[in-house]
N, C-alpha and C. Protein backbone atom coordinates (compact mmCIF):
# COMPACT_ATOMS: atom_id res chain seq x y z
N UNK A 1 -32.41 -27.92 6.57
CA UNK A 1 -31.03 -28.12 7.36
C UNK A 1 -31.77 -28.09 8.67
N UNK A 2 -31.12 -29.79 9.45
CA UNK A 2 -31.25 -29.70 10.61
C UNK A 2 -30.40 -29.16 11.67
N UNK A 3 -30.99 -28.53 12.83
CA UNK A 3 -30.23 -27.59 13.89
C UNK A 3 -29.42 -28.86 14.65
N UNK A 4 -28.38 -28.04 14.94
CA UNK A 4 -27.50 -28.99 15.84
C UNK A 4 -28.19 -29.28 17.26
N UNK A 5 -29.32 -28.46 17.62
CA UNK A 5 -30.20 -28.48 18.82
C UNK A 5 -30.76 -29.69 19.12
N UNK A 6 -30.62 -30.60 20.03
CA UNK A 6 -31.24 -31.94 19.83
C UNK A 6 -32.75 -32.01 20.15
N UNK A 7 -33.61 -30.85 20.79
CA UNK A 7 -34.77 -31.03 20.83
C UNK A 7 -35.37 -30.60 19.49
N UNK A 8 -34.72 -29.60 18.59
CA UNK A 8 -35.12 -29.49 17.21
C UNK A 8 -35.16 -30.24 16.29
N UNK A 9 -33.68 -31.29 16.73
CA UNK A 9 -33.58 -32.38 15.64
C UNK A 9 -34.51 -33.76 15.93
N UNK A 10 -35.12 -33.83 17.07
CA UNK A 10 -36.22 -34.57 17.44
C UNK A 10 -37.57 -34.06 16.73
N UNK A 11 -37.65 -32.82 16.78
CA UNK A 11 -39.25 -32.63 16.61
C UNK A 11 -39.27 -32.65 14.96
N UNK A 12 -37.88 -32.28 14.33
CA UNK A 12 -38.18 -32.42 12.69
C UNK A 12 -38.03 -34.06 12.38
N UNK A 13 -37.49 -34.90 13.34
CA UNK A 13 -37.76 -36.22 12.86
C UNK A 13 -39.06 -36.64 12.98
N UNK A 14 -39.93 -36.08 14.41
CA UNK A 14 -41.12 -36.53 14.29
C UNK A 14 -41.76 -36.14 13.10
N UNK A 15 -41.79 -34.46 13.04
CA UNK A 15 -42.37 -34.02 11.81
C UNK A 15 -42.27 -34.70 10.58
N UNK A 16 -40.82 -35.44 10.35
CA UNK A 16 -40.93 -36.04 8.80
C UNK A 16 -41.12 -37.46 9.11
N UNK A 17 -41.71 -37.98 9.68
CA UNK A 17 -41.83 -39.15 10.03
C UNK A 17 -43.46 -39.37 10.14
N UNK A 18 -43.85 -38.42 10.53
CA UNK A 18 -45.50 -38.37 10.59
C UNK A 18 -45.81 -38.85 12.00
N UNK A 19 -44.87 -39.29 12.53
CA UNK A 19 -45.12 -39.93 14.32
C UNK A 19 -45.46 -38.24 15.15
N UNK A 20 -46.76 -38.26 15.82
CA UNK A 20 -47.07 -37.42 16.74
C UNK A 20 -46.87 -37.79 18.40
N UNK A 21 -46.09 -37.48 18.69
CA UNK A 21 -45.39 -37.38 20.47
C UNK A 21 -46.55 -37.66 21.24
N UNK A 22 -47.38 -38.57 21.99
CA UNK A 22 -48.46 -38.07 22.88
C UNK A 22 -48.11 -37.25 23.98
N UNK A 23 -48.89 -36.41 24.45
CA UNK A 23 -48.86 -35.85 25.25
C UNK A 23 -49.25 -36.62 26.50
N UNK A 24 -48.57 -36.23 27.75
CA UNK A 24 -48.86 -36.97 29.25
C UNK A 24 -49.29 -35.78 29.94
N UNK A 25 -50.46 -35.94 30.22
CA UNK A 25 -51.13 -35.24 31.41
C UNK A 25 -50.59 -35.70 33.10
N UNK A 26 -49.78 -35.13 33.31
CA UNK A 26 -49.49 -35.49 34.81
C UNK A 26 -50.32 -35.02 35.75
N UNK A 27 -51.39 -34.37 35.71
CA UNK A 27 -52.43 -34.30 36.80
C UNK A 27 -53.43 -34.72 36.51
N UNK A 28 -53.90 -35.56 37.28
CA UNK A 28 -54.93 -37.15 37.00
C UNK A 28 -56.39 -36.25 37.02
N UNK A 29 -57.20 -36.55 36.48
CA UNK A 29 -58.43 -36.00 36.61
C UNK A 29 -59.11 -35.87 37.87
N UNK A 30 -59.01 -37.21 38.73
CA UNK A 30 -59.86 -37.40 39.86
C UNK A 30 -59.05 -36.13 40.87
N UNK A 31 -57.54 -35.79 40.49
CA UNK A 31 -57.34 -34.76 41.91
C UNK A 31 -58.16 -33.41 41.26
N UNK A 32 -58.14 -32.92 40.22
CA UNK A 32 -58.98 -31.58 39.87
C UNK A 32 -60.14 -31.97 40.05
N UNK A 33 -61.06 -33.10 40.22
CA UNK A 33 -62.50 -33.30 40.55
C UNK A 33 -62.70 -33.01 41.98
N UNK A 34 -61.53 -33.64 42.67
CA UNK A 34 -61.46 -33.33 44.19
C UNK A 34 -61.37 -31.94 44.66
N UNK A 35 -60.34 -31.40 44.00
CA UNK A 35 -60.22 -29.61 44.12
C UNK A 35 -61.61 -28.82 43.96
N UNK A 36 -62.14 -28.94 42.73
CA UNK A 36 -63.62 -28.45 42.52
C UNK A 36 -64.20 -28.45 43.72
N UNK A 37 -64.56 -30.25 44.09
CA UNK A 37 -65.45 -30.33 45.16
C UNK A 37 -65.01 -29.63 46.64
N UNK A 38 -63.71 -29.48 46.81
CA UNK A 38 -63.47 -28.92 47.69
C UNK A 38 -63.66 -27.53 47.94
N UNK A 39 -63.22 -26.94 46.89
CA UNK A 39 -63.43 -25.46 46.34
C UNK A 39 -65.00 -25.20 46.80
N UNK A 40 -65.84 -26.00 46.20
CA UNK A 40 -67.29 -25.59 46.22
C UNK A 40 -67.84 -25.98 47.75
N UNK A 41 -67.30 -26.67 48.54
CA UNK A 41 -67.93 -26.82 49.99
C UNK A 41 -67.24 -25.91 50.66
N UNK A 42 -66.17 -25.35 50.53
CA UNK A 42 -65.63 -24.60 51.22
C UNK A 42 -66.56 -23.40 51.26
N UNK A 43 -66.97 -22.90 50.38
CA UNK A 43 -67.92 -22.10 49.80
C UNK A 43 -68.85 -21.60 51.13
N UNK A 44 -69.36 -22.67 51.20
CA UNK A 44 -70.83 -22.82 52.19
C UNK A 44 -70.26 -23.30 53.64
N UNK A 45 -69.25 -23.05 54.23
CA UNK A 45 -68.99 -22.77 55.64
C UNK A 45 -68.48 -21.64 56.35
N UNK A 46 -68.67 -21.72 57.80
CA UNK A 46 -68.40 -20.47 58.02
C UNK A 46 -67.10 -20.54 58.91
N UNK A 47 -66.42 -21.66 59.32
CA UNK A 47 -64.92 -22.21 59.79
C UNK A 47 -64.39 -23.07 58.82
N UNK A 48 -63.36 -22.90 58.82
CA UNK A 48 -61.82 -23.88 58.32
C UNK A 48 -61.42 -24.28 59.18
N UNK A 49 -60.99 -25.92 59.73
CA UNK A 49 -60.30 -26.35 60.38
C UNK A 49 -59.33 -27.13 59.51
N UNK A 50 -58.16 -26.49 59.30
CA UNK A 50 -57.23 -27.15 58.56
C UNK A 50 -56.21 -28.13 59.37
N UNK A 51 -56.30 -29.38 58.58
CA UNK A 51 -55.39 -30.25 59.73
C UNK A 51 -53.88 -30.47 58.78
N UNK A 52 -53.16 -30.09 59.72
CA UNK A 52 -51.47 -30.54 58.80
C UNK A 52 -50.76 -31.31 59.71
N UNK A 53 -49.64 -31.80 58.96
CA UNK A 53 -48.64 -32.90 59.81
C UNK A 53 -47.86 -32.03 60.54
N UNK A 54 -47.21 -32.06 61.81
CA UNK A 54 -46.43 -31.51 62.35
C UNK A 54 -44.93 -31.69 62.07
N UNK A 55 -44.82 -32.60 61.57
CA UNK A 55 -43.48 -32.86 60.90
C UNK A 55 -42.92 -32.25 59.66
N UNK A 56 -43.91 -31.57 58.87
CA UNK A 56 -43.82 -31.18 57.62
C UNK A 56 -45.16 -30.08 57.31
N UNK A 57 -45.61 -29.06 58.08
CA UNK A 57 -46.44 -28.18 58.07
C UNK A 57 -46.45 -27.44 56.93
N UNK A 58 -45.57 -27.07 56.28
CA UNK A 58 -45.85 -26.36 54.73
C UNK A 58 -46.00 -27.43 53.90
N UNK A 59 -45.68 -28.42 54.04
CA UNK A 59 -45.84 -29.26 52.58
C UNK A 59 -47.08 -30.29 52.75
N UNK A 60 -47.67 -29.70 54.21
CA UNK A 60 -48.90 -30.89 53.84
C UNK A 60 -50.53 -30.00 53.79
N UNK A 61 -49.95 -28.79 53.60
CA UNK A 61 -50.93 -27.95 53.14
C UNK A 61 -51.24 -27.66 51.78
N UNK A 62 -52.58 -27.62 51.16
CA UNK A 62 -52.36 -27.48 49.88
C UNK A 62 -52.34 -26.04 49.56
N UNK A 63 -51.78 -25.64 48.08
CA UNK A 63 -51.30 -24.01 48.44
C UNK A 63 -52.41 -23.47 47.59
N UNK A 64 -53.29 -23.64 47.24
CA UNK A 64 -54.56 -23.06 47.28
C UNK A 64 -55.85 -22.93 48.50
N UNK A 65 -55.44 -23.71 49.38
CA UNK A 65 -56.19 -23.48 50.73
C UNK A 65 -56.61 -22.11 51.38
N UNK A 66 -55.42 -21.09 51.21
CA UNK A 66 -55.53 -19.70 51.33
C UNK A 66 -56.88 -19.17 50.32
N UNK A 67 -56.42 -19.24 49.27
CA UNK A 67 -57.78 -18.71 47.99
C UNK A 67 -59.01 -19.38 48.19
N UNK A 68 -59.05 -20.86 48.89
CA UNK A 68 -60.41 -21.32 49.14
C UNK A 68 -61.52 -20.56 50.11
N UNK A 69 -60.31 -20.49 51.41
CA UNK A 69 -60.71 -20.03 52.43
C UNK A 69 -61.00 -18.76 53.13
N UNK A 70 -60.59 -17.96 51.97
CA UNK A 70 -60.61 -16.30 52.12
C UNK A 70 -61.84 -16.12 52.38
N UNK A 71 -61.66 -14.96 53.53
CA UNK A 71 -62.81 -14.38 54.12
C UNK A 71 -63.54 -15.09 55.28
N UNK A 72 -63.05 -16.53 55.60
CA UNK A 72 -63.22 -17.04 56.58
C UNK A 72 -62.11 -17.42 57.56
N UNK A 73 -62.88 -17.61 58.66
CA UNK A 73 -61.84 -17.70 60.20
C UNK A 73 -60.93 -19.20 59.91
N UNK A 74 -59.81 -19.56 60.14
CA UNK A 74 -59.24 -20.64 59.90
C UNK A 74 -58.45 -21.19 61.03
N UNK A 75 -58.86 -22.06 61.62
CA UNK A 75 -58.10 -23.14 62.19
C UNK A 75 -57.20 -23.93 61.75
N UNK A 76 -55.90 -23.87 62.21
CA UNK A 76 -54.50 -25.30 61.80
C UNK A 76 -54.65 -25.72 62.83
N UNK A 77 -54.55 -26.82 62.59
CA UNK A 77 -54.09 -28.00 63.72
C UNK A 77 -53.08 -28.94 63.59
N UNK A 78 -52.18 -28.89 64.20
CA UNK A 78 -51.01 -29.70 63.95
C UNK A 78 -51.02 -30.81 64.59
N UNK A 79 -51.06 -32.15 63.72
CA UNK A 79 -51.04 -33.44 64.00
C UNK A 79 -49.85 -34.00 64.57
N UNK A 80 -49.68 -35.03 65.22
CA UNK A 80 -48.17 -35.80 65.25
C UNK A 80 -46.94 -35.00 65.83
N UNK A 81 -47.73 -33.92 66.68
CA UNK A 81 -46.54 -33.23 67.57
C UNK A 81 -45.68 -33.99 68.44
N UNK A 82 -45.92 -35.01 69.00
CA UNK A 82 -45.48 -36.03 69.50
C UNK A 82 -44.08 -36.32 69.06
N UNK A 83 -43.90 -36.15 67.45
CA UNK A 83 -43.19 -37.06 66.81
C UNK A 83 -42.03 -35.72 66.39
N UNK A 84 -42.06 -34.54 66.62
CA UNK A 84 -40.98 -33.92 66.48
C UNK A 84 -40.06 -33.15 67.96
N UNK A 85 -39.44 -32.34 67.79
CA UNK A 85 -38.61 -32.12 69.05
C UNK A 85 -39.29 -30.94 69.83
N UNK A 86 -39.24 -30.75 70.93
CA UNK A 86 -39.53 -29.64 71.47
C UNK A 86 -39.60 -28.18 70.73
N UNK A 87 -37.88 -28.42 70.28
CA UNK A 87 -37.23 -26.75 69.88
C UNK A 87 -38.34 -26.45 68.36
N UNK A 88 -38.01 -27.74 67.42
CA UNK A 88 -39.40 -27.51 66.70
C UNK A 88 -40.54 -27.19 66.87
N UNK A 89 -41.03 -27.36 67.78
CA UNK A 89 -42.69 -27.38 68.54
C UNK A 89 -42.69 -25.71 68.69
N UNK A 90 -41.53 -25.80 69.38
CA UNK A 90 -41.93 -24.00 69.82
C UNK A 90 -41.46 -23.10 68.77
N UNK A 91 -40.42 -23.30 67.73
CA UNK A 91 -40.32 -22.74 66.69
C UNK A 91 -41.48 -22.18 65.73
N UNK A 92 -42.14 -23.70 65.58
CA UNK A 92 -43.76 -23.07 64.53
C UNK A 92 -44.40 -22.76 65.34
N UNK A 93 -44.61 -22.91 66.45
CA UNK A 93 -45.58 -22.03 67.40
C UNK A 93 -45.32 -20.59 67.34
N UNK A 94 -44.12 -20.22 67.50
CA UNK A 94 -43.59 -18.99 67.07
C UNK A 94 -44.02 -18.10 66.01
N UNK A 95 -43.78 -19.18 64.96
CA UNK A 95 -43.88 -18.80 63.50
C UNK A 95 -45.40 -18.41 63.41
N UNK A 96 -46.22 -18.85 63.82
CA UNK A 96 -47.76 -19.23 63.30
C UNK A 96 -48.28 -17.94 64.46
N UNK A 97 -47.70 -17.94 65.69
CA UNK A 97 -48.54 -16.90 66.25
C UNK A 97 -47.66 -15.58 65.84
N UNK A 98 -46.87 -15.44 65.73
CA UNK A 98 -46.15 -14.01 65.11
C UNK A 98 -46.70 -13.42 63.54
N UNK A 99 -46.82 -14.57 62.89
CA UNK A 99 -47.22 -14.24 61.43
C UNK A 99 -48.65 -14.78 60.86
N UNK A 100 -49.01 -15.53 61.19
CA UNK A 100 -50.25 -16.25 61.14
C UNK A 100 -50.06 -17.12 60.06
N UNK A 101 -50.69 -18.05 60.19
CA UNK A 101 -51.09 -19.51 58.94
C UNK A 101 -50.97 -18.95 57.69
N UNK A 102 -52.08 -17.76 57.54
CA UNK A 102 -52.28 -16.78 56.23
C UNK A 102 -51.41 -16.63 55.82
N UNK A 103 -50.27 -16.32 56.30
CA UNK A 103 -48.77 -15.60 55.88
C UNK A 103 -48.35 -16.48 55.05
N UNK A 104 -48.46 -17.76 55.50
CA UNK A 104 -47.53 -19.17 54.64
C UNK A 104 -47.93 -19.15 53.41
N UNK A 105 -49.43 -18.76 52.90
CA UNK A 105 -50.32 -18.99 51.81
C UNK A 105 -49.52 -18.19 50.80
N UNK A 106 -49.63 -18.92 49.55
CA UNK A 106 -49.20 -17.81 48.68
C UNK A 106 -49.86 -16.52 48.39
N UNK A 107 -49.24 -15.32 48.28
CA UNK A 107 -50.02 -14.19 47.94
C UNK A 107 -51.71 -14.40 47.02
N UNK A 108 -52.46 -13.79 47.64
CA UNK A 108 -53.90 -13.80 46.99
C UNK A 108 -53.89 -12.41 46.22
N UNK A 109 -54.75 -12.63 45.14
CA UNK A 109 -54.68 -12.12 44.12
C UNK A 109 -56.13 -10.78 44.83
N UNK A 110 -55.82 -9.55 44.38
CA UNK A 110 -56.98 -8.25 44.85
C UNK A 110 -58.13 -8.85 44.36
N UNK A 111 -58.66 -9.30 43.54
CA UNK A 111 -59.76 -10.26 42.76
C UNK A 111 -60.55 -11.31 44.45
N UNK A 112 -59.69 -11.87 44.71
CA UNK A 112 -59.61 -12.84 45.78
C UNK A 112 -59.66 -12.31 47.03
N UNK A 113 -58.65 -11.28 47.56
CA UNK A 113 -59.16 -10.56 48.36
C UNK A 113 -60.12 -10.04 48.55
N UNK A 114 -60.99 -9.14 47.54
CA UNK A 114 -62.37 -8.41 47.50
C UNK A 114 -63.18 -9.33 47.66
N UNK A 115 -63.20 -10.28 46.97
CA UNK A 115 -64.58 -11.82 47.17
C UNK A 115 -64.51 -11.85 48.83
N UNK A 116 -63.06 -12.35 49.49
CA UNK A 116 -63.42 -12.49 50.40
C UNK A 116 -63.76 -11.65 51.64
N UNK A 117 -63.48 -10.60 51.41
CA UNK A 117 -64.15 -9.28 52.33
C UNK A 117 -65.51 -8.87 52.21
N UNK A 118 -66.28 -9.36 50.88
CA UNK A 118 -67.66 -9.37 50.52
C UNK A 118 -68.21 -10.38 51.01
N UNK A 119 -67.63 -11.81 50.97
CA UNK A 119 -68.33 -12.74 51.70
C UNK A 119 -68.18 -12.41 53.12
N UNK A 120 -67.27 -12.04 53.52
CA UNK A 120 -66.97 -11.96 55.48
C UNK A 120 -67.85 -10.65 55.65
N UNK A 121 -68.27 -9.84 54.78
CA UNK A 121 -69.14 -8.35 55.24
C UNK A 121 -70.68 -8.91 55.03
N UNK A 122 -71.02 -9.79 54.12
CA UNK A 122 -72.31 -10.82 54.29
C UNK A 122 -72.86 -11.05 55.18
N UNK A 123 -71.70 -11.93 55.73
CA UNK A 123 -71.93 -13.11 56.75
C UNK A 123 -72.16 -12.63 58.46
N UNK A 124 -71.68 -10.98 58.26
CA UNK A 124 -71.90 -10.39 59.59
C UNK A 124 -73.15 -9.15 59.52
N UNK A 125 -73.32 -8.97 58.03
CA UNK A 125 -74.25 -7.80 57.81
C UNK A 125 -75.88 -7.99 58.98
N UNK A 126 -75.72 -9.40 59.24
CA UNK A 126 -77.11 -9.40 60.33
C UNK A 126 -76.75 -9.89 61.62
N UNK A 127 -75.58 -9.68 62.05
CA UNK A 127 -75.31 -9.67 63.62
C UNK A 127 -75.54 -8.26 64.31
């Protein structure tokens, strides 16, 4: 019996005809490769300078930057500041000053925080 649900109906048609619907990967391999390389490179640096567009500071940051940079000092630089209003500049400046750039990141897992603290302690062990 064919269900009235359109998705179920389509699935039944595909199954009965022998046609297999191709899966589409919307995440290209070159992006995954670049992310792996960036994460690996960031493990070797002492300080991270993150450059964001002042017209859209949250949108121009990768969601995993906080995880990749955990335990390292991070400087956030806003470019194109001349393209936004003075009120927006003041608002973003107050936000970053009061809560910090790290608070804009997604919440880090306990394991990531622990690894960050271990890496930080290791860097400062010889100072």
